[in-house]
Amino acid sequence: MKRIKTKLSKQALERNRNLRKNSTPQEIILWSRLRAKRFHNLKFRRQHQVGNYIVDFVCLDKKLIIELDGWQHKEENQERYDKKRTEFLERQGFRIIRFWNNEINDNLEGVLIKIEEFL
C-alpha cells in the first residue's frame, strides 16, 4: 500500500513536536513498549496527525489508533468532542482503542494483552 505524504503546516508541525516533548507519564510508559517495533514488530507513531486531529499512537499498517485518556475526558464538552473525533477517524478506516491513564499505571501488561486481542 502506497502512502501519500501530506505536508503539514509549520503550526501543525510545532504542535506535534510540543505534544511529543510534553508527553504524559502514561504516554512515555506505553511508548517505551510500542516504539522501535518492540510490540509484535509493528511500527507505531506517536502524536501523529490524522486529518485535523492528533492521535496519541497509531499503527498505520493495521489502521489502529490507541488513545490514552485522563480525567478531562469525562467532562461533557470533551466527551462530545471525543465522539465527533472518533466518528471521523472511523470513517477514515481506523479502529480506535482507548485506555484510561490509571490502566497504564495499574495494569500495563493487561493493556498490552488488550491491544494484542484488538489486533
N, C-alpha and C. Protein backbone atom coordinates (compact mmCIF):
# COMPACT_ATOMS: atom_id res chain seq x y z
N MET A 1 0.84 -1.17 0.00
CA MET A 1 0.00 0.00 0.00
C MET A 1 0.89 1.24 0.00
N LYS A 2 0.70 2.10 -0.96
CA LYS A 2 1.49 3.31 -1.06
C LYS A 2 0.83 4.42 -0.25
N ARG A 3 1.64 5.10 0.55
CA ARG A 3 1.13 6.20 1.36
C ARG A 3 1.44 7.51 0.69
N ILE A 4 0.49 8.40 0.75
CA ILE A 4 0.69 9.74 0.21
C ILE A 4 1.11 10.63 1.38
N LYS A 5 2.26 11.25 1.25
CA LYS A 5 2.74 12.15 2.29
C LYS A 5 2.03 13.49 2.13
N THR A 6 1.55 14.01 3.23
CA THR A 6 0.96 15.33 3.20
C THR A 6 1.87 16.28 3.94
N LYS A 7 2.00 17.46 3.43
CA LYS A 7 2.86 18.45 4.05
C LYS A 7 2.05 19.17 5.13
N LEU A 8 2.60 19.15 6.33
CA LEU A 8 1.94 19.81 7.44
C LEU A 8 2.39 21.26 7.52
N SER A 9 1.50 22.10 7.98
CA SER A 9 1.88 23.49 8.19
C SER A 9 2.91 23.58 9.30
N LYS A 10 3.64 24.69 9.33
CA LYS A 10 4.62 24.89 10.41
C LYS A 10 3.94 24.84 11.77
N GLN A 11 2.74 25.39 11.86
CA GLN A 11 1.99 25.40 13.12
C GLN A 11 1.66 23.97 13.55
N ALA A 12 1.22 23.14 12.61
CA ALA A 12 0.88 21.75 12.93
C ALA A 12 2.13 20.97 13.34
N LEU A 13 3.23 21.18 12.63
CA LEU A 13 4.47 20.50 13.00
C LEU A 13 4.92 20.89 14.40
N GLU A 14 4.82 22.16 14.71
CA GLU A 14 5.23 22.64 16.04
C GLU A 14 4.32 22.06 17.13
N ARG A 15 3.03 21.98 16.85
CA ARG A 15 2.08 21.41 17.82
C ARG A 15 2.42 19.94 18.07
N ASN A 16 2.70 19.19 17.01
CA ASN A 16 3.07 17.77 17.15
C ASN A 16 4.34 17.62 17.97
N ARG A 17 5.35 18.44 17.66
CA ARG A 17 6.62 18.38 18.42
C ARG A 17 6.38 18.70 19.89
N ASN A 18 5.56 19.70 20.15
CA ASN A 18 5.28 20.10 21.53
C ASN A 18 4.59 18.97 22.29
N LEU A 19 3.65 18.30 21.65
CA LEU A 19 2.97 17.19 22.30
C LEU A 19 3.94 16.04 22.61
N ARG A 20 4.86 15.78 21.69
CA ARG A 20 5.84 14.71 21.93
C ARG A 20 6.79 15.10 23.07
N LYS A 21 7.20 16.36 23.12
CA LYS A 21 8.11 16.82 24.18
C LYS A 21 7.44 16.81 25.55
N ASN A 22 6.14 17.01 25.57
CA ASN A 22 5.40 17.12 26.83
C ASN A 22 4.47 15.94 27.04
N SER A 23 4.94 14.76 26.73
CA SER A 23 4.13 13.55 26.90
C SER A 23 3.78 13.34 28.37
N THR A 24 2.62 12.73 28.58
CA THR A 24 2.25 12.38 29.95
C THR A 24 3.10 11.18 30.39
N PRO A 25 3.21 10.96 31.69
CA PRO A 25 3.95 9.79 32.16
C PRO A 25 3.41 8.48 31.57
N GLN A 26 2.10 8.40 31.41
CA GLN A 26 1.49 7.19 30.87
C GLN A 26 1.84 7.01 29.39
N GLU A 27 1.89 8.11 28.64
CA GLU A 27 2.29 8.03 27.23
C GLU A 27 3.75 7.56 27.12
N ILE A 28 4.60 8.05 28.00
CA ILE A 28 6.01 7.65 27.99
C ILE A 28 6.13 6.15 28.28
N ILE A 29 5.36 5.67 29.25
CA ILE A 29 5.41 4.25 29.61
C ILE A 29 4.95 3.38 28.44
N LEU A 30 3.80 3.71 27.85
CA LEU A 30 3.29 2.90 26.74
C LEU A 30 4.21 3.02 25.53
N TRP A 31 4.72 4.21 25.25
CA TRP A 31 5.61 4.39 24.11
C TRP A 31 6.86 3.53 24.25
N SER A 32 7.34 3.36 25.47
CA SER A 32 8.53 2.54 25.68
C SER A 32 8.29 1.09 25.25
N ARG A 33 7.04 0.66 25.25
CA ARG A 33 6.70 -0.71 24.84
C ARG A 33 6.34 -0.82 23.36
N LEU A 34 5.91 0.31 22.75
CA LEU A 34 5.46 0.29 21.36
C LEU A 34 6.55 0.71 20.37
N ARG A 35 7.46 1.56 20.79
CA ARG A 35 8.42 2.18 19.86
C ARG A 35 9.39 1.16 19.28
N ALA A 36 9.98 1.54 18.17
CA ALA A 36 11.04 0.75 17.52
C ALA A 36 10.63 -0.70 17.25
N LYS A 37 9.36 -0.86 16.88
CA LYS A 37 8.83 -2.18 16.53
C LYS A 37 8.97 -3.21 17.66
N ARG A 38 8.92 -2.74 18.91
CA ARG A 38 9.05 -3.65 20.06
C ARG A 38 7.79 -4.46 20.31
N PHE A 39 6.67 -4.01 19.78
CA PHE A 39 5.41 -4.70 20.01
C PHE A 39 5.02 -5.43 18.72
N HIS A 40 5.25 -6.73 18.70
CA HIS A 40 4.89 -7.58 17.56
C HIS A 40 5.47 -7.09 16.23
N ASN A 41 6.61 -6.45 16.30
CA ASN A 41 7.31 -5.96 15.12
C ASN A 41 6.46 -4.98 14.30
N LEU A 42 5.55 -4.27 14.96
CA LEU A 42 4.69 -3.29 14.29
C LEU A 42 5.25 -1.89 14.49
N LYS A 43 5.16 -1.08 13.45
CA LYS A 43 5.64 0.29 13.54
C LYS A 43 4.51 1.19 14.04
N PHE A 44 4.73 1.78 15.19
CA PHE A 44 3.80 2.75 15.76
C PHE A 44 4.40 4.15 15.65
N ARG A 45 3.53 5.12 15.51
CA ARG A 45 3.92 6.53 15.57
C ARG A 45 3.19 7.15 16.75
N ARG A 46 3.78 8.19 17.31
CA ARG A 46 3.10 8.87 18.42
C ARG A 46 2.83 10.31 18.05
N GLN A 47 1.76 10.83 18.62
CA GLN A 47 1.32 12.20 18.34
C GLN A 47 1.33 12.45 16.84
N HIS A 48 0.58 11.61 16.14
CA HIS A 48 0.53 11.63 14.68
C HIS A 48 -0.77 12.28 14.22
N GLN A 49 -0.67 13.13 13.22
CA GLN A 49 -1.84 13.83 12.72
C GLN A 49 -2.60 12.99 11.71
N VAL A 50 -3.92 12.89 11.93
CA VAL A 50 -4.84 12.24 11.01
C VAL A 50 -5.95 13.26 10.75
N GLY A 51 -6.01 13.79 9.56
CA GLY A 51 -6.94 14.88 9.29
C GLY A 51 -6.57 16.08 10.16
N ASN A 52 -7.55 16.63 10.83
CA ASN A 52 -7.31 17.76 11.73
C ASN A 52 -7.03 17.33 13.16
N TYR A 53 -6.91 16.05 13.38
CA TYR A 53 -6.74 15.53 14.73
C TYR A 53 -5.35 14.95 14.93
N ILE A 54 -4.88 15.00 16.16
CA ILE A 54 -3.62 14.36 16.51
C ILE A 54 -3.96 13.20 17.44
N VAL A 55 -3.51 12.01 17.06
CA VAL A 55 -3.81 10.82 17.85
C VAL A 55 -2.58 10.48 18.69
N ASP A 56 -2.81 9.84 19.82
CA ASP A 56 -1.71 9.50 20.72
C ASP A 56 -0.74 8.53 20.06
N PHE A 57 -1.26 7.39 19.59
CA PHE A 57 -0.43 6.37 18.96
C PHE A 57 -1.21 5.79 17.78
N VAL A 58 -0.48 5.48 16.71
CA VAL A 58 -1.14 4.88 15.56
C VAL A 58 -0.20 3.88 14.91
N CYS A 59 -0.78 2.76 14.50
CA CYS A 59 -0.09 1.80 13.64
C CYS A 59 -0.81 1.91 12.29
N LEU A 60 -0.16 2.57 11.34
CA LEU A 60 -0.80 2.82 10.05
C LEU A 60 -1.05 1.53 9.29
N ASP A 61 -0.13 0.57 9.41
CA ASP A 61 -0.30 -0.70 8.68
C ASP A 61 -1.55 -1.44 9.12
N LYS A 62 -1.88 -1.38 10.40
CA LYS A 62 -3.05 -2.08 10.93
C LYS A 62 -4.26 -1.16 11.09
N LYS A 63 -4.08 0.13 10.75
CA LYS A 63 -5.15 1.13 10.88
C LYS A 63 -5.71 1.12 12.31
N LEU A 64 -4.79 1.07 13.27
CA LEU A 64 -5.15 1.03 14.69
C LEU A 64 -4.66 2.29 15.39
N ILE A 65 -5.56 2.93 16.11
CA ILE A 65 -5.24 4.10 16.93
C ILE A 65 -5.42 3.72 18.39
N ILE A 66 -4.44 4.08 19.20
CA ILE A 66 -4.51 3.86 20.65
C ILE A 66 -4.55 5.23 21.31
N GLU A 67 -5.57 5.47 22.11
CA GLU A 67 -5.73 6.73 22.81
C GLU A 67 -5.65 6.51 24.31
N LEU A 68 -4.94 7.38 25.00
CA LEU A 68 -4.87 7.36 26.47
C LEU A 68 -5.65 8.55 26.98
N ASP A 69 -6.56 8.28 27.89
CA ASP A 69 -7.45 9.32 28.39
C ASP A 69 -7.23 9.57 29.87
N GLY A 70 -7.24 10.85 30.23
CA GLY A 70 -7.17 11.26 31.62
C GLY A 70 -8.53 11.75 32.08
N TRP A 71 -8.55 12.32 33.26
CA TRP A 71 -9.81 12.77 33.89
C TRP A 71 -10.59 13.75 33.02
N GLN A 72 -9.90 14.58 32.23
CA GLN A 72 -10.57 15.61 31.44
C GLN A 72 -11.51 15.02 30.40
N HIS A 73 -11.31 13.75 30.04
CA HIS A 73 -12.17 13.12 29.03
C HIS A 73 -13.55 12.76 29.59
N LYS A 74 -13.75 12.93 30.90
CA LYS A 74 -15.06 12.68 31.49
C LYS A 74 -15.95 13.92 31.44
N GLU A 75 -15.37 15.06 31.13
CA GLU A 75 -16.16 16.29 31.06
C GLU A 75 -17.07 16.25 29.84
N GLU A 76 -18.27 16.81 29.98
CA GLU A 76 -19.30 16.71 28.94
C GLU A 76 -18.82 17.25 27.59
N ASN A 77 -18.20 18.43 27.58
CA ASN A 77 -17.73 19.00 26.31
C ASN A 77 -16.68 18.11 25.67
N GLN A 78 -15.79 17.54 26.47
CA GLN A 78 -14.74 16.67 25.95
C GLN A 78 -15.33 15.38 25.41
N GLU A 79 -16.35 14.85 26.07
CA GLU A 79 -16.99 13.62 25.59
C GLU A 79 -17.61 13.84 24.21
N ARG A 80 -18.24 14.98 24.00
CA ARG A 80 -18.83 15.29 22.69
C ARG A 80 -17.74 15.41 21.62
N TYR A 81 -16.65 16.10 21.98
CA TYR A 81 -15.53 16.27 21.06
C TYR A 81 -14.93 14.91 20.72
N ASP A 82 -14.71 14.06 21.74
CA ASP A 82 -14.14 12.73 21.52
C ASP A 82 -15.03 11.89 20.61
N LYS A 83 -16.35 12.01 20.78
CA LYS A 83 -17.29 11.23 19.95
C LYS A 83 -17.18 11.67 18.49
N LYS A 84 -17.17 12.97 18.25
CA LYS A 84 -17.05 13.51 16.89
C LYS A 84 -15.71 13.08 16.27
N ARG A 85 -14.66 13.16 17.05
CA ARG A 85 -13.32 12.80 16.60
C ARG A 85 -13.25 11.31 16.24
N THR A 86 -13.82 10.46 17.13
CA THR A 86 -13.84 9.02 16.88
C THR A 86 -14.61 8.70 15.61
N GLU A 87 -15.75 9.34 15.42
CA GLU A 87 -16.55 9.10 14.21
C GLU A 87 -15.74 9.45 12.96
N PHE A 88 -15.03 10.57 12.98
CA PHE A 88 -14.20 10.95 11.83
C PHE A 88 -13.12 9.90 11.58
N LEU A 89 -12.40 9.51 12.63
CA LEU A 89 -11.30 8.55 12.48
C LEU A 89 -11.81 7.20 11.96
N GLU A 90 -12.97 6.77 12.45
CA GLU A 90 -13.54 5.52 11.98
C GLU A 90 -13.95 5.61 10.51
N ARG A 91 -14.44 6.78 10.08
CA ARG A 91 -14.77 6.96 8.65
C ARG A 91 -13.52 6.87 7.78
N GLN A 92 -12.37 7.16 8.36
CA GLN A 92 -11.11 7.05 7.62
C GLN A 92 -10.59 5.60 7.61
N GLY A 93 -11.32 4.70 8.26
CA GLY A 93 -10.96 3.29 8.26
C GLY A 93 -10.16 2.84 9.47
N PHE A 94 -9.99 3.71 10.45
CA PHE A 94 -9.23 3.35 11.65
C PHE A 94 -10.13 2.70 12.70
N ARG A 95 -9.52 1.82 13.47
CA ARG A 95 -10.15 1.28 14.67
C ARG A 95 -9.48 1.95 15.84
N ILE A 96 -10.26 2.31 16.86
CA ILE A 96 -9.73 3.06 18.00
C ILE A 96 -9.93 2.24 19.26
N ILE A 97 -8.86 2.15 20.03
CA ILE A 97 -8.93 1.52 21.35
C ILE A 97 -8.48 2.56 22.36
N ARG A 98 -9.25 2.68 23.45
CA ARG A 98 -8.98 3.71 24.46
C ARG A 98 -8.66 3.06 25.79
N PHE A 99 -7.74 3.68 26.49
CA PHE A 99 -7.39 3.26 27.84
C PHE A 99 -7.35 4.49 28.74
N TRP A 100 -7.73 4.28 29.99
CA TRP A 100 -7.58 5.32 30.99
C TRP A 100 -6.13 5.31 31.47
N ASN A 101 -5.64 6.47 31.84
CA ASN A 101 -4.27 6.57 32.35
C ASN A 101 -4.00 5.60 33.50
N ASN A 102 -4.98 5.45 34.38
CA ASN A 102 -4.75 4.55 35.53
C ASN A 102 -4.60 3.09 35.09
N GLU A 103 -5.12 2.71 33.91
CA GLU A 103 -4.91 1.36 33.41
C GLU A 103 -3.44 1.14 33.06
N ILE A 104 -2.80 2.17 32.53
CA ILE A 104 -1.37 2.09 32.21
C ILE A 104 -0.59 1.96 33.52
N ASN A 105 -0.97 2.75 34.51
CA ASN A 105 -0.27 2.73 35.81
C ASN A 105 -0.45 1.41 36.55
N ASP A 106 -1.66 0.88 36.52
CA ASP A 106 -2.00 -0.26 37.38
C ASP A 106 -1.91 -1.61 36.69
N ASN A 107 -1.97 -1.64 35.34
CA ASN A 107 -2.06 -2.93 34.67
C ASN A 107 -1.51 -2.84 33.24
N LEU A 108 -0.27 -2.45 33.10
CA LEU A 108 0.33 -2.28 31.77
C LEU A 108 0.28 -3.58 30.97
N GLU A 109 0.58 -4.70 31.60
CA GLU A 109 0.56 -5.98 30.87
C GLU A 109 -0.84 -6.29 30.38
N GLY A 110 -1.85 -5.98 31.17
CA GLY A 110 -3.24 -6.18 30.75
C GLY A 110 -3.59 -5.30 29.56
N VAL A 111 -3.08 -4.07 29.55
CA VAL A 111 -3.31 -3.16 28.42
C VAL A 111 -2.69 -3.75 27.16
N LEU A 112 -1.47 -4.25 27.27
CA LEU A 112 -0.80 -4.83 26.10
C LEU A 112 -1.54 -6.06 25.59
N ILE A 113 -2.09 -6.85 26.50
CA ILE A 113 -2.88 -8.02 26.09
C ILE A 113 -4.13 -7.57 25.34
N LYS A 114 -4.80 -6.51 25.84
CA LYS A 114 -6.00 -5.99 25.16
C LYS A 114 -5.65 -5.49 23.76
N ILE A 115 -4.49 -4.85 23.61
CA ILE A 115 -4.08 -4.38 22.28
C ILE A 115 -3.85 -5.57 21.36
N GLU A 116 -3.19 -6.62 21.87
CA GLU A 116 -2.99 -7.86 21.09
C GLU A 116 -4.32 -8.41 20.63
N GLU A 117 -5.27 -8.50 21.56
CA GLU A 117 -6.60 -9.04 21.23
C GLU A 117 -7.29 -8.19 20.18
N PHE A 118 -7.14 -6.89 20.29
CA PHE A 118 -7.77 -5.96 19.36
C PHE A 118 -7.20 -6.16 17.95
N LEU A 119 -5.91 -6.46 17.88
CA LEU A 119 -5.27 -6.68 16.57
C LEU A 119 -5.75 -7.99 15.98
